[in-house]
Amino acid sequence: MSDSTQNPPEGSSFQPPPPPEGQQSAPGMPPPAPGTPQPAPTPPSEPGYGYGGPASGVGQPADLLMRFLARLIDFILLGIVNGIIVGIIVAGLFGLSGGNTYGFGTGAGYAARALSAVITAVLYLGYFTLMESRNGRTIGKMLLKLQTQGPDGSTPTTEQALKRNFWVALSILGVIPVIGGLVGSVAELVIVILIAVTIHNSPIREGWHDKLAGGTRVVKTG
């Protein structure tokens, strides 16, 4: 074997050349052999880079399904409460049975329907406006760990909460004889579809009603 391939004699001052830049080894580890591929850099852990923490973490925009379920929970609870309140008030004021309360052709029947429409509109709009302007959460959002935030990340103002939830009060159109209730229901359905489509198509999950309120958003809190 030639001298060029032999190990340097013991006690010699010979030192191996340093590894190329980017291939430095960890302390206590032998240097990599020449030509060894450089390891890939460690990806950043900040959300939004496609690595590290998942995009579904705390503070990320809530998706359409979670927001829909939160609203559904709220509407179910409100429907129960509204039915009890309307039933008590209408029966107490007009003395009408369930079969005649919403019947057509009588003045008492129309008055009962109009009063029911007003109570429903006030209850629904008042609930969403009050809950969101106090802490950004309705009961449905609390259960699903969601929160509504204003454009600056704080709790929405009363005006912002009112604007983004005005459509839940369209039942007020029930005061219009004969067609009012139908018009209100169709209008609510159209707005619900519009909100769902805009949330789905927005990269930041901003619905049409969020834009109307100046840029509110719904984020995950857990």
N, C-alpha and C. Protein backbone atom coordinates (compact mmCIF):
# COMPACT_ATOMS: atom_id res chain seq x y z
N MET A 1 0.87 -1.20 0.00
CA MET A 1 0.00 0.00 0.00
C MET A 1 0.89 1.23 0.00
N SER A 2 0.51 2.26 -0.76
CA SER A 2 1.34 3.46 -0.88
C SER A 2 1.26 4.28 0.37
N ASP A 3 2.29 5.16 0.53
CA ASP A 3 2.34 6.01 1.72
C ASP A 3 1.19 6.97 1.77
N SER A 4 0.61 7.36 0.61
CA SER A 4 -0.44 8.39 0.59
C SER A 4 -1.71 7.90 1.23
N THR A 5 -1.86 6.58 1.35
CA THR A 5 -3.10 6.05 1.93
C THR A 5 -2.92 5.59 3.35
N GLN A 6 -1.66 5.71 3.85
CA GLN A 6 -1.43 5.27 5.22
C GLN A 6 -1.85 6.34 6.21
N ASN A 7 -2.17 5.91 7.42
CA ASN A 7 -2.52 6.85 8.48
C ASN A 7 -1.27 7.61 8.89
N PRO A 8 -1.40 8.87 9.31
CA PRO A 8 -0.24 9.63 9.75
C PRO A 8 0.34 9.01 11.00
N PRO A 9 1.62 9.13 11.16
CA PRO A 9 2.26 8.53 12.35
C PRO A 9 1.75 9.15 13.63
N GLU A 10 1.76 8.35 14.69
CA GLU A 10 1.28 8.83 15.99
C GLU A 10 2.14 9.99 16.46
N GLY A 11 1.47 11.01 16.99
CA GLY A 11 2.19 12.19 17.45
C GLY A 11 2.40 13.21 16.37
N SER A 12 1.98 12.89 15.15
CA SER A 12 2.16 13.85 14.05
C SER A 12 1.21 15.01 14.23
N SER A 13 1.55 16.16 13.70
CA SER A 13 0.70 17.36 13.78
C SER A 13 -0.31 17.42 12.65
N PHE A 14 -0.39 16.35 11.90
CA PHE A 14 -1.33 16.34 10.76
C PHE A 14 -2.77 16.41 11.27
N GLN A 15 -3.61 17.27 10.67
CA GLN A 15 -5.01 17.40 11.01
C GLN A 15 -5.83 17.22 9.72
N PRO A 16 -6.97 16.49 9.80
CA PRO A 16 -7.79 16.33 8.59
C PRO A 16 -8.43 17.65 8.20
N PRO A 17 -8.63 17.84 6.91
CA PRO A 17 -9.23 19.11 6.45
C PRO A 17 -10.64 19.25 6.99
N PRO A 18 -11.10 20.48 7.27
CA PRO A 18 -12.47 20.68 7.77
C PRO A 18 -13.49 20.30 6.72
N PRO A 19 -14.66 19.85 7.15
CA PRO A 19 -15.70 19.50 6.18
C PRO A 19 -16.21 20.73 5.46
N PRO A 20 -16.74 20.55 4.25
CA PRO A 20 -17.28 21.71 3.51
C PRO A 20 -18.39 22.39 4.30
N GLU A 21 -18.59 23.66 3.99
CA GLU A 21 -19.62 24.45 4.68
C GLU A 21 -20.99 23.81 4.47
N GLY A 22 -21.77 23.75 5.52
CA GLY A 22 -23.08 23.13 5.45
C GLY A 22 -23.07 21.67 5.82
N GLN A 23 -21.84 21.08 6.01
CA GLN A 23 -21.77 19.67 6.39
C GLN A 23 -21.11 19.48 7.74
N GLN A 24 -21.01 20.52 8.55
CA GLN A 24 -20.41 20.41 9.87
C GLN A 24 -21.17 19.38 10.68
N SER A 25 -20.44 18.59 11.42
CA SER A 25 -21.07 17.55 12.23
C SER A 25 -21.33 18.06 13.63
N ALA A 26 -22.21 17.35 14.33
CA ALA A 26 -22.53 17.72 15.70
C ALA A 26 -21.33 17.41 16.59
N PRO A 27 -21.21 18.11 17.73
CA PRO A 27 -20.10 17.85 18.65
C PRO A 27 -20.05 16.39 19.04
N GLY A 28 -18.82 15.80 19.02
CA GLY A 28 -18.65 14.41 19.41
C GLY A 28 -18.88 13.43 18.29
N MET A 29 -19.31 13.93 17.12
CA MET A 29 -19.57 13.06 15.99
C MET A 29 -18.46 13.23 14.97
N PRO A 30 -18.07 12.15 14.27
CA PRO A 30 -17.03 12.28 13.24
C PRO A 30 -17.52 13.11 12.08
N PRO A 31 -16.65 13.84 11.43
CA PRO A 31 -17.08 14.66 10.29
C PRO A 31 -17.58 13.79 9.16
N PRO A 32 -18.55 14.27 8.39
CA PRO A 32 -19.06 13.47 7.28
C PRO A 32 -18.00 13.30 6.21
N ALA A 33 -18.07 12.18 5.53
CA ALA A 33 -17.13 11.92 4.45
C ALA A 33 -17.36 12.86 3.30
N PRO A 34 -16.33 13.18 2.55
CA PRO A 34 -16.51 14.08 1.39
C PRO A 34 -17.54 13.50 0.42
N GLY A 35 -18.41 14.37 -0.08
CA GLY A 35 -19.44 13.94 -1.01
C GLY A 35 -20.73 13.51 -0.36
N THR A 36 -20.77 13.52 0.99
CA THR A 36 -22.01 13.15 1.68
C THR A 36 -23.07 14.21 1.44
N PRO A 37 -24.30 13.82 1.01
CA PRO A 37 -25.35 14.84 0.76
C PRO A 37 -25.66 15.63 2.01
N GLN A 38 -25.89 16.92 1.82
CA GLN A 38 -26.22 17.79 2.94
C GLN A 38 -27.65 17.53 3.39
N PRO A 39 -27.89 17.36 4.69
CA PRO A 39 -29.26 17.09 5.15
C PRO A 39 -30.17 18.27 4.87
N ALA A 40 -31.45 17.95 4.67
CA ALA A 40 -32.44 19.00 4.40
C ALA A 40 -32.61 19.87 5.62
N PRO A 41 -32.84 21.18 5.43
CA PRO A 41 -33.02 22.07 6.58
C PRO A 41 -34.30 21.75 7.33
N THR A 42 -34.27 22.01 8.63
CA THR A 42 -35.45 21.78 9.46
C THR A 42 -36.53 22.77 9.10
N PRO A 43 -37.73 22.32 8.76
CA PRO A 43 -38.79 23.25 8.35
C PRO A 43 -39.22 24.12 9.51
N PRO A 44 -39.67 25.33 9.23
CA PRO A 44 -40.15 26.22 10.29
C PRO A 44 -41.41 25.68 10.91
N SER A 45 -41.60 26.03 12.18
CA SER A 45 -42.76 25.50 12.90
C SER A 45 -43.91 26.48 12.95
N GLU A 46 -43.74 27.68 12.42
CA GLU A 46 -44.82 28.65 12.48
C GLU A 46 -45.95 28.23 11.57
N PRO A 47 -47.22 28.42 12.03
CA PRO A 47 -48.35 28.09 11.17
C PRO A 47 -48.31 28.92 9.90
N GLY A 48 -48.79 28.32 8.82
CA GLY A 48 -48.87 29.05 7.57
C GLY A 48 -47.77 28.70 6.61
N TYR A 49 -46.75 27.94 7.05
CA TYR A 49 -45.67 27.57 6.16
C TYR A 49 -45.91 26.20 5.53
N GLY A 50 -46.92 25.51 5.96
CA GLY A 50 -47.14 24.18 5.46
C GLY A 50 -46.44 23.12 6.28
N TYR A 51 -45.69 23.52 7.32
CA TYR A 51 -45.01 22.60 8.20
C TYR A 51 -45.44 22.90 9.63
N GLY A 52 -44.91 22.14 10.56
CA GLY A 52 -45.12 22.44 11.98
C GLY A 52 -46.57 22.31 12.38
N GLY A 53 -47.05 23.33 13.13
CA GLY A 53 -48.39 23.28 13.69
C GLY A 53 -49.45 23.24 12.62
N PRO A 54 -50.54 22.52 12.84
CA PRO A 54 -51.61 22.42 11.85
C PRO A 54 -52.34 23.73 11.71
N ALA A 55 -52.90 23.93 10.50
CA ALA A 55 -53.61 25.18 10.22
C ALA A 55 -54.93 25.26 10.98
N SER A 56 -55.33 24.16 11.65
CA SER A 56 -56.61 24.14 12.35
C SER A 56 -56.44 24.48 13.82
N GLY A 57 -55.33 25.06 14.22
CA GLY A 57 -55.05 25.34 15.61
C GLY A 57 -55.79 26.55 16.13
N VAL A 58 -55.49 26.88 17.39
CA VAL A 58 -56.12 28.01 18.06
C VAL A 58 -55.81 29.29 17.31
N GLY A 59 -56.83 30.13 17.14
CA GLY A 59 -56.66 31.39 16.45
C GLY A 59 -56.84 31.32 14.95
N GLN A 60 -56.97 30.11 14.40
CA GLN A 60 -57.18 29.95 12.97
C GLN A 60 -58.66 30.14 12.65
N PRO A 61 -58.99 30.58 11.42
CA PRO A 61 -60.40 30.76 11.04
C PRO A 61 -61.18 29.45 11.16
N ALA A 62 -62.37 29.53 11.70
CA ALA A 62 -63.23 28.35 11.82
C ALA A 62 -63.82 28.00 10.47
N ASP A 63 -63.93 26.72 10.18
CA ASP A 63 -64.45 26.31 8.89
C ASP A 63 -65.97 26.38 8.86
N LEU A 64 -66.50 26.18 7.67
CA LEU A 64 -67.94 26.35 7.46
C LEU A 64 -68.76 25.37 8.30
N LEU A 65 -68.33 24.12 8.38
CA LEU A 65 -69.11 23.12 9.10
C LEU A 65 -69.22 23.46 10.58
N MET A 66 -68.14 23.86 11.21
CA MET A 66 -68.17 24.19 12.63
C MET A 66 -69.06 25.40 12.88
N ARG A 67 -69.00 26.38 12.01
CA ARG A 67 -69.85 27.56 12.18
C ARG A 67 -71.32 27.21 11.99
N PHE A 68 -71.59 26.34 11.03
CA PHE A 68 -72.96 25.91 10.80
C PHE A 68 -73.51 25.18 12.01
N LEU A 69 -72.71 24.28 12.58
CA LEU A 69 -73.17 23.53 13.74
C LEU A 69 -73.41 24.43 14.95
N ALA A 70 -72.56 25.45 15.12
CA ALA A 70 -72.75 26.40 16.22
C ALA A 70 -74.07 27.15 16.06
N ARG A 71 -74.35 27.59 14.84
CA ARG A 71 -75.62 28.28 14.58
C ARG A 71 -76.80 27.33 14.80
N LEU A 72 -76.65 26.10 14.37
CA LEU A 72 -77.74 25.14 14.52
C LEU A 72 -78.08 24.93 15.99
N ILE A 73 -77.06 24.80 16.81
CA ILE A 73 -77.30 24.65 18.26
C ILE A 73 -78.05 25.86 18.80
N ASP A 74 -77.61 27.06 18.41
CA ASP A 74 -78.27 28.27 18.88
C ASP A 74 -79.72 28.34 18.41
N PHE A 75 -79.96 27.98 17.15
CA PHE A 75 -81.32 28.05 16.62
C PHE A 75 -82.24 27.03 17.30
N ILE A 76 -81.72 25.87 17.63
CA ILE A 76 -82.54 24.87 18.32
C ILE A 76 -82.93 25.38 19.71
N LEU A 77 -81.97 25.91 20.43
CA LEU A 77 -82.26 26.45 21.77
C LEU A 77 -83.22 27.62 21.70
N LEU A 78 -82.98 28.52 20.75
CA LEU A 78 -83.87 29.67 20.60
C LEU A 78 -85.26 29.25 20.19
N GLY A 79 -85.37 28.23 19.34
CA GLY A 79 -86.68 27.76 18.92
C GLY A 79 -87.51 27.25 20.09
N ILE A 80 -86.85 26.54 20.99
CA ILE A 80 -87.55 26.03 22.18
C ILE A 80 -88.02 27.18 23.07
N VAL A 81 -87.10 28.09 23.36
CA VAL A 81 -87.45 29.22 24.22
C VAL A 81 -88.52 30.10 23.57
N ASN A 82 -88.36 30.35 22.27
CA ASN A 82 -89.32 31.19 21.56
C ASN A 82 -90.72 30.57 21.56
N GLY A 83 -90.78 29.25 21.36
CA GLY A 83 -92.08 28.60 21.36
C GLY A 83 -92.79 28.72 22.70
N ILE A 84 -92.03 28.60 23.77
CA ILE A 84 -92.62 28.73 25.10
C ILE A 84 -93.11 30.15 25.35
N ILE A 85 -92.27 31.13 25.04
CA ILE A 85 -92.63 32.53 25.29
C ILE A 85 -93.83 32.95 24.45
N VAL A 86 -93.76 32.63 23.15
CA VAL A 86 -94.87 33.02 22.26
C VAL A 86 -96.16 32.33 22.69
N GLY A 87 -96.08 31.05 23.03
CA GLY A 87 -97.28 30.33 23.43
C GLY A 87 -97.93 30.94 24.66
N ILE A 88 -97.11 31.28 25.64
CA ILE A 88 -97.65 31.86 26.87
C ILE A 88 -98.27 33.23 26.62
N ILE A 89 -97.54 34.09 25.89
CA ILE A 89 -98.02 35.46 25.66
C ILE A 89 -99.26 35.47 24.79
N VAL A 90 -99.22 34.72 23.69
CA VAL A 90 -100.37 34.72 22.78
C VAL A 90 -101.60 34.13 23.46
N ALA A 91 -101.41 33.03 24.16
CA ALA A 91 -102.56 32.42 24.84
C ALA A 91 -103.09 33.34 25.93
N GLY A 92 -102.17 34.04 26.61
CA GLY A 92 -102.62 34.93 27.68
C GLY A 92 -103.35 36.15 27.16
N LEU A 93 -102.92 36.69 26.02
CA LEU A 93 -103.54 37.91 25.50
C LEU A 93 -104.81 37.64 24.73
N PHE A 94 -104.82 36.55 23.97
CA PHE A 94 -105.94 36.33 23.06
C PHE A 94 -106.82 35.16 23.46
N GLY A 95 -106.33 34.33 24.40
CA GLY A 95 -107.12 33.18 24.80
C GLY A 95 -107.39 32.23 23.68
N LEU A 96 -106.40 32.10 22.75
CA LEU A 96 -106.62 31.28 21.57
C LEU A 96 -106.02 29.89 21.79
N SER A 97 -106.67 28.90 21.27
CA SER A 97 -106.13 27.55 21.33
C SER A 97 -105.07 27.38 20.25
N GLY A 98 -104.30 26.31 20.34
CA GLY A 98 -103.25 26.09 19.35
C GLY A 98 -103.80 25.99 17.94
N GLY A 99 -105.00 25.44 17.77
CA GLY A 99 -105.53 25.28 16.42
C GLY A 99 -105.98 26.57 15.79
N ASN A 100 -106.32 27.57 16.58
CA ASN A 100 -106.85 28.82 16.02
C ASN A 100 -105.88 29.98 16.11
N THR A 101 -104.76 29.80 16.80
CA THR A 101 -103.85 30.92 17.01
C THR A 101 -103.38 31.51 15.70
N TYR A 102 -103.05 30.65 14.74
CA TYR A 102 -102.50 31.15 13.49
C TYR A 102 -103.48 30.95 12.32
N GLY A 103 -104.72 30.85 12.64
CA GLY A 103 -105.72 30.70 11.60
C GLY A 103 -105.94 31.98 10.84
N PHE A 104 -106.35 31.87 9.57
CA PHE A 104 -106.61 33.04 8.74
C PHE A 104 -108.08 33.43 8.87
N GLY A 105 -108.33 34.68 8.57
CA GLY A 105 -109.71 35.14 8.48
C GLY A 105 -110.24 35.79 9.74
N THR A 106 -109.48 35.83 10.82
CA THR A 106 -109.95 36.50 12.03
C THR A 106 -108.95 37.55 12.44
N GLY A 107 -109.44 38.62 13.03
CA GLY A 107 -108.57 39.68 13.50
C GLY A 107 -107.64 39.21 14.60
N ALA A 108 -108.16 38.36 15.48
CA ALA A 108 -107.34 37.84 16.57
C ALA A 108 -106.23 36.95 16.02
N GLY A 109 -106.53 36.19 14.99
CA GLY A 109 -105.52 35.31 14.39
C GLY A 109 -104.38 36.11 13.78
N TYR A 110 -104.72 37.19 13.07
CA TYR A 110 -103.67 38.03 12.47
C TYR A 110 -102.85 38.70 13.56
N ALA A 111 -103.51 39.20 14.59
CA ALA A 111 -102.78 39.86 15.68
C ALA A 111 -101.82 38.89 16.35
N ALA A 112 -102.26 37.65 16.52
CA ALA A 112 -101.41 36.65 17.15
C ALA A 112 -100.18 36.36 16.28
N ARG A 113 -100.39 36.26 14.97
CA ARG A 113 -99.26 36.01 14.06
C ARG A 113 -98.30 37.17 14.05
N ALA A 114 -98.82 38.38 14.03
CA ALA A 114 -97.96 39.56 14.01
C ALA A 114 -97.16 39.67 15.30
N LEU A 115 -97.81 39.42 16.43
CA LEU A 115 -97.12 39.48 17.71
C LEU A 115 -96.03 38.41 17.79
N SER A 116 -96.35 37.23 17.29
CA SER A 116 -95.37 36.15 17.28
C SER A 116 -94.15 36.52 16.45
N ALA A 117 -94.38 37.16 15.30
CA ALA A 117 -93.28 37.57 14.42
C ALA A 117 -92.38 38.59 15.11
N VAL A 118 -92.99 39.52 15.82
CA VAL A 118 -92.21 40.55 16.52
C VAL A 118 -91.39 39.94 17.65
N ILE A 119 -92.02 39.09 18.44
CA ILE A 119 -91.31 38.46 19.56
C ILE A 119 -90.13 37.63 19.05
N THR A 120 -90.37 36.87 17.99
CA THR A 120 -89.31 36.02 17.43
C THR A 120 -88.14 36.86 16.94
N ALA A 121 -88.44 37.94 16.22
CA ALA A 121 -87.38 38.80 15.68
C ALA A 121 -86.57 39.43 16.81
N VAL A 122 -87.24 39.93 17.82
CA VAL A 122 -86.55 40.59 18.93
C VAL A 122 -85.69 39.57 19.70
N LEU A 123 -86.24 38.39 19.95
CA LEU A 123 -85.52 37.38 20.71
C LEU A 123 -84.26 36.92 19.97
N TYR A 124 -84.39 36.59 18.70
CA TYR A 124 -83.25 36.08 17.94
C TYR A 124 -82.18 37.14 17.76
N LEU A 125 -82.58 38.33 17.32
CA LEU A 125 -81.59 39.38 17.09
C LEU A 125 -80.97 39.84 18.40
N GLY A 126 -81.77 39.96 19.44
CA GLY A 126 -81.24 40.37 20.73
C GLY A 126 -80.25 39.36 21.29
N TYR A 127 -80.55 38.09 21.13
CA TYR A 127 -79.66 37.03 21.63
C TYR A 127 -78.29 37.10 20.97
N PHE A 128 -78.26 37.08 19.64
CA PHE A 128 -76.98 37.07 18.93
C PHE A 128 -76.21 38.37 19.14
N THR A 129 -76.91 39.48 19.14
CA THR A 129 -76.23 40.77 19.32
C THR A 129 -75.64 40.89 20.71
N LEU A 130 -76.42 40.53 21.72
CA LEU A 130 -75.94 40.64 23.10
C LEU A 130 -74.78 39.69 23.38
N MET A 131 -74.92 38.44 22.98
CA MET A 131 -73.89 37.45 23.28
C MET A 131 -72.58 37.76 22.56
N GLU A 132 -72.66 38.15 21.31
CA GLU A 132 -71.43 38.41 20.55
C GLU A 132 -70.77 39.72 20.96
N SER A 133 -71.54 40.70 21.38
CA SER A 133 -70.94 41.98 21.77
C SER A 133 -70.39 41.93 23.20
N ARG A 134 -70.79 40.94 23.99
CA ARG A 134 -70.28 40.81 25.36
C ARG A 134 -68.95 40.05 25.41
N ASN A 135 -68.91 38.88 24.77
CA ASN A 135 -67.66 38.10 24.80
C ASN A 135 -67.37 37.37 23.50
N GLY A 136 -68.14 37.68 22.46
CA GLY A 136 -67.89 37.07 21.16
C GLY A 136 -68.39 35.64 21.03
N ARG A 137 -69.14 35.16 22.01
CA ARG A 137 -69.56 33.77 21.99
C ARG A 137 -71.05 33.62 22.29
N THR A 138 -71.71 32.83 21.48
CA THR A 138 -73.05 32.36 21.79
C THR A 138 -72.90 31.00 22.47
N ILE A 139 -74.00 30.41 22.88
CA ILE A 139 -73.92 29.10 23.52
C ILE A 139 -73.34 28.07 22.54
N GLY A 140 -73.79 28.13 21.30
CA GLY A 140 -73.27 27.21 20.30
C GLY A 140 -71.77 27.35 20.10
N LYS A 141 -71.29 28.57 20.06
CA LYS A 141 -69.85 28.80 19.89
C LYS A 141 -69.07 28.37 21.13
N MET A 142 -69.65 28.54 22.32
CA MET A 142 -68.98 28.07 23.52
C MET A 142 -68.78 26.56 23.48
N LEU A 143 -69.82 25.84 23.07
CA LEU A 143 -69.75 24.39 23.05
C LEU A 143 -68.74 23.88 22.02
N LEU A 144 -68.61 24.58 20.91
CA LEU A 144 -67.70 24.15 19.84
C LEU A 144 -66.37 24.91 19.87
N LYS A 145 -66.16 25.71 20.91
CA LYS A 145 -64.90 26.44 21.09
C LYS A 145 -64.58 27.36 19.92
N LEU A 146 -65.54 28.20 19.63
CA LEU A 146 -65.39 29.22 18.59
C LEU A 146 -65.62 30.59 19.22
N GLN A 147 -65.14 31.62 18.55
CA GLN A 147 -65.33 32.98 19.04
C GLN A 147 -65.41 33.95 17.87
N THR A 148 -66.34 34.89 17.98
CA THR A 148 -66.44 35.96 16.99
C THR A 148 -65.57 37.12 17.43
N GLN A 149 -64.78 37.64 16.51
CA GLN A 149 -63.89 38.76 16.80
C GLN A 149 -64.17 39.92 15.85
N GLY A 150 -63.89 41.12 16.35
CA GLY A 150 -64.00 42.29 15.51
C GLY A 150 -62.83 42.38 14.54
N PRO A 151 -62.84 43.38 13.66
CA PRO A 151 -61.75 43.52 12.68
C PRO A 151 -60.37 43.64 13.31
N ASP A 152 -60.29 44.18 14.53
CA ASP A 152 -59.00 44.36 15.19
C ASP A 152 -58.67 43.21 16.14
N GLY A 153 -59.47 42.15 16.14
CA GLY A 153 -59.21 41.01 17.00
C GLY A 153 -59.86 41.08 18.36
N SER A 154 -60.52 42.18 18.67
CA SER A 154 -61.19 42.32 19.96
C SER A 154 -62.64 41.84 19.85
N THR A 155 -63.37 41.94 20.94
CA THR A 155 -64.79 41.57 20.93
C THR A 155 -65.56 42.52 20.03
N PRO A 156 -66.46 42.02 19.21
CA PRO A 156 -67.23 42.90 18.32
C PRO A 156 -68.02 43.94 19.11
N THR A 157 -68.19 45.11 18.53
CA THR A 157 -69.04 46.12 19.13
C THR A 157 -70.50 45.74 18.93
N THR A 158 -71.38 46.43 19.63
CA THR A 158 -72.81 46.16 19.47
C THR A 158 -73.24 46.40 18.03
N GLU A 159 -72.72 47.45 17.42
CA GLU A 159 -73.07 47.75 16.03
C GLU A 159 -72.61 46.64 15.09
N GLN A 160 -71.40 46.15 15.29
CA GLN A 160 -70.89 45.08 14.44
C GLN A 160 -71.68 43.80 14.61
N ALA A 161 -72.00 43.45 15.85
CA ALA A 161 -72.80 42.26 16.10
C ALA A 161 -74.19 42.38 15.51
N LEU A 162 -74.75 43.59 15.57
CA LEU A 162 -76.08 43.83 15.01
C LEU A 162 -76.07 43.68 13.49
N LYS A 163 -75.06 44.21 12.85
CA LYS A 163 -74.97 44.15 11.38
C LYS A 163 -74.80 42.73 10.88
N ARG A 164 -73.96 41.94 11.55
CA ARG A 164 -73.68 40.61 11.03
C ARG A 164 -74.80 39.62 11.34
N ASN A 165 -75.77 40.03 12.19
CA ASN A 165 -76.86 39.13 12.56
C ASN A 165 -78.24 39.68 12.22
N PHE A 166 -78.31 40.76 11.47
CA PHE A 166 -79.60 41.38 11.20
C PHE A 166 -80.59 40.42 10.55
N TRP A 167 -80.06 39.51 9.74
CA TRP A 167 -80.92 38.64 8.94
C TRP A 167 -81.75 37.67 9.78
N VAL A 168 -81.33 37.42 11.03
CA VAL A 168 -82.11 36.49 11.86
C VAL A 168 -83.42 37.13 12.31
N ALA A 169 -83.56 38.43 12.09
CA ALA A 169 -84.77 39.14 12.49
C ALA A 169 -85.74 39.35 11.33
N LEU A 170 -85.48 38.70 10.20
CA LEU A 170 -86.37 38.88 9.05
C LEU A 170 -87.74 38.26 9.27
N SER A 171 -87.90 37.52 10.36
CA SER A 171 -89.23 37.01 10.69
C SER A 171 -90.20 38.14 11.00
N ILE A 172 -89.66 39.34 11.21
CA ILE A 172 -90.51 40.51 11.46
C ILE A 172 -91.45 40.78 10.29
N LEU A 173 -91.07 40.27 9.11
CA LEU A 173 -91.92 40.46 7.93
C LEU A 173 -93.25 39.72 8.09
N GLY A 174 -93.34 38.87 9.11
CA GLY A 174 -94.59 38.18 9.37
C GLY A 174 -95.72 39.10 9.76
N VAL A 175 -95.42 40.35 10.05
CA VAL A 175 -96.50 41.30 10.37
C VAL A 175 -97.28 41.66 9.11
N ILE A 176 -96.70 41.39 7.95
CA ILE A 176 -97.41 41.65 6.69
C ILE A 176 -98.43 40.53 6.48
N PRO A 177 -99.70 40.88 6.30
CA PRO A 177 -100.73 39.84 6.17
C PRO A 177 -100.46 38.88 5.01
N VAL A 178 -100.81 37.66 5.20
CA VAL A 178 -100.82 36.58 4.21
C VAL A 178 -99.42 36.16 3.75
N ILE A 179 -98.68 37.07 3.09
CA ILE A 179 -97.42 36.66 2.45
C ILE A 179 -96.19 37.02 3.27
N GLY A 180 -96.36 37.77 4.36
CA GLY A 180 -95.21 38.25 5.12
C GLY A 180 -94.31 37.14 5.63
N GLY A 181 -94.92 36.12 6.22
CA GLY A 181 -94.13 35.03 6.77
C GLY A 181 -93.34 34.29 5.70
N LEU A 182 -93.97 34.08 4.54
CA LEU A 182 -93.29 33.40 3.44
C LEU A 182 -92.13 34.22 2.91
N VAL A 183 -92.35 35.51 2.73
CA VAL A 183 -91.29 36.39 2.22
C VAL A 183 -90.10 36.39 3.19
N GLY A 184 -90.39 36.48 4.48
CA GLY A 184 -89.31 36.48 5.47
C GLY A 184 -88.52 35.19 5.46
N SER A 185 -89.22 34.05 5.33
CA SER A 185 -88.53 32.76 5.32
C SER A 185 -87.65 32.61 4.09
N VAL A 186 -88.14 33.03 2.94
CA VAL A 186 -87.36 32.94 1.70
C VAL A 186 -86.14 33.85 1.78
N ALA A 187 -86.34 35.05 2.31
CA ALA A 187 -85.22 35.99 2.43
C ALA A 187 -84.13 35.43 3.35
N GLU A 188 -84.52 34.83 4.45
CA GLU A 188 -83.54 34.23 5.36
C GLU A 188 -82.78 33.09 4.67
N LEU A 189 -83.49 32.27 3.92
CA LEU A 189 -82.85 31.15 3.23
C LEU A 189 -81.83 31.64 2.21
N VAL A 190 -82.19 32.67 1.46
CA VAL A 190 -81.27 33.23 0.46
C VAL A 190 -80.00 33.76 1.13
N ILE A 191 -80.16 34.44 2.25
CA ILE A 191 -79.00 35.00 2.95
C ILE A 191 -78.14 33.89 3.55
N VAL A 192 -78.77 32.86 4.07
CA VAL A 192 -78.00 31.72 4.61
C VAL A 192 -77.15 31.09 3.52
N ILE A 193 -77.71 30.90 2.34
CA ILE A 193 -76.95 30.32 1.22
C ILE A 193 -75.82 31.25 0.81
N LEU A 194 -76.10 32.55 0.76
CA LEU A 194 -75.07 33.52 0.40
C LEU A 194 -73.91 33.50 1.40
N ILE A 195 -74.24 33.44 2.68
CA ILE A 195 -73.22 33.40 3.72
C ILE A 195 -72.39 32.12 3.59
N ALA A 196 -73.05 30.99 3.38
CA ALA A 196 -72.33 29.72 3.26
C ALA A 196 -71.38 29.72 2.07
N VAL A 197 -71.83 30.24 0.94
CA VAL A 197 -70.99 30.26 -0.26
C VAL A 197 -69.79 31.17 -0.07
N THR A 198 -70.00 32.34 0.52
CA THR A 198 -68.89 33.28 0.70
C THR A 198 -67.89 32.78 1.74
N ILE A 199 -68.35 32.11 2.77
CA ILE A 199 -67.42 31.52 3.75
C ILE A 199 -66.58 30.44 3.08
N HIS A 200 -67.23 29.59 2.31
CA HIS A 200 -66.53 28.48 1.65
C HIS A 200 -65.48 28.99 0.66
N ASN A 201 -65.79 30.07 -0.05
CA ASN A 201 -64.89 30.56 -1.09
C ASN A 201 -63.81 31.50 -0.57
N SER A 202 -63.93 31.94 0.66
CA SER A 202 -62.96 32.89 1.20
C SER A 202 -61.77 32.16 1.83
N PRO A 203 -60.54 32.55 1.48
CA PRO A 203 -59.37 31.90 2.10
C PRO A 203 -59.27 32.15 3.60
N ILE A 204 -59.90 33.22 4.08
CA ILE A 204 -59.88 33.51 5.51
C ILE A 204 -61.24 33.23 6.15
N ARG A 205 -62.10 32.53 5.41
CA ARG A 205 -63.43 32.14 5.89
C ARG A 205 -64.26 33.35 6.35
N GLU A 206 -64.23 34.38 5.53
CA GLU A 206 -65.01 35.58 5.81
C GLU A 206 -66.31 35.54 5.04
N GLY A 207 -67.42 35.54 5.76
CA GLY A 207 -68.73 35.50 5.13
C GLY A 207 -69.20 36.87 4.70
N TRP A 208 -70.26 36.85 3.92
CA TRP A 208 -70.84 38.12 3.45
C TRP A 208 -71.25 38.99 4.62
N HIS A 209 -71.81 38.38 5.66
CA HIS A 209 -72.25 39.15 6.82
C HIS A 209 -71.06 39.69 7.61
N ASP A 210 -69.91 38.99 7.54
CA ASP A 210 -68.70 39.50 8.19
C ASP A 210 -68.21 40.77 7.49
N LYS A 211 -68.25 40.76 6.17
CA LYS A 211 -67.85 41.95 5.41
C LYS A 211 -68.80 43.11 5.71
N LEU A 212 -70.08 42.80 5.80
CA LEU A 212 -71.07 43.85 6.10
C LEU A 212 -70.78 44.50 7.45
N ALA A 213 -70.27 43.72 8.39
CA ALA A 213 -69.96 44.23 9.74
C ALA A 213 -68.59 44.88 9.82
N GLY A 214 -67.90 45.00 8.70
CA GLY A 214 -66.63 45.69 8.70
C GLY A 214 -65.41 44.79 8.79
N GLY A 215 -65.63 43.45 8.68
CA GLY A 215 -64.49 42.54 8.71
C GLY A 215 -64.41 41.69 9.96
N THR A 216 -65.55 41.32 10.53
CA THR A 216 -65.53 40.42 11.67
C THR A 216 -65.09 39.03 11.21
N ARG A 217 -64.73 38.19 12.15
CA ARG A 217 -64.28 36.83 11.82
C ARG A 217 -64.61 35.90 12.97
N VAL A 218 -64.65 34.62 12.66
CA VAL A 218 -64.89 33.60 13.67
C VAL A 218 -63.66 32.69 13.70
N VAL A 219 -63.07 32.55 14.89
CA VAL A 219 -61.83 31.77 15.02
C VAL A 219 -62.01 30.66 16.04
N LYS A 220 -61.09 29.71 16.00
CA LYS A 220 -61.09 28.60 16.95
C LYS A 220 -60.37 29.02 18.22
N THR A 221 -60.90 28.60 19.35
CA THR A 221 -60.28 28.90 20.64
C THR A 221 -59.77 27.65 21.34
N GLY A 222 -59.90 26.52 20.74
CA GLY A 222 -59.45 25.29 21.35
C GLY A 222 -59.51 24.13 20.40
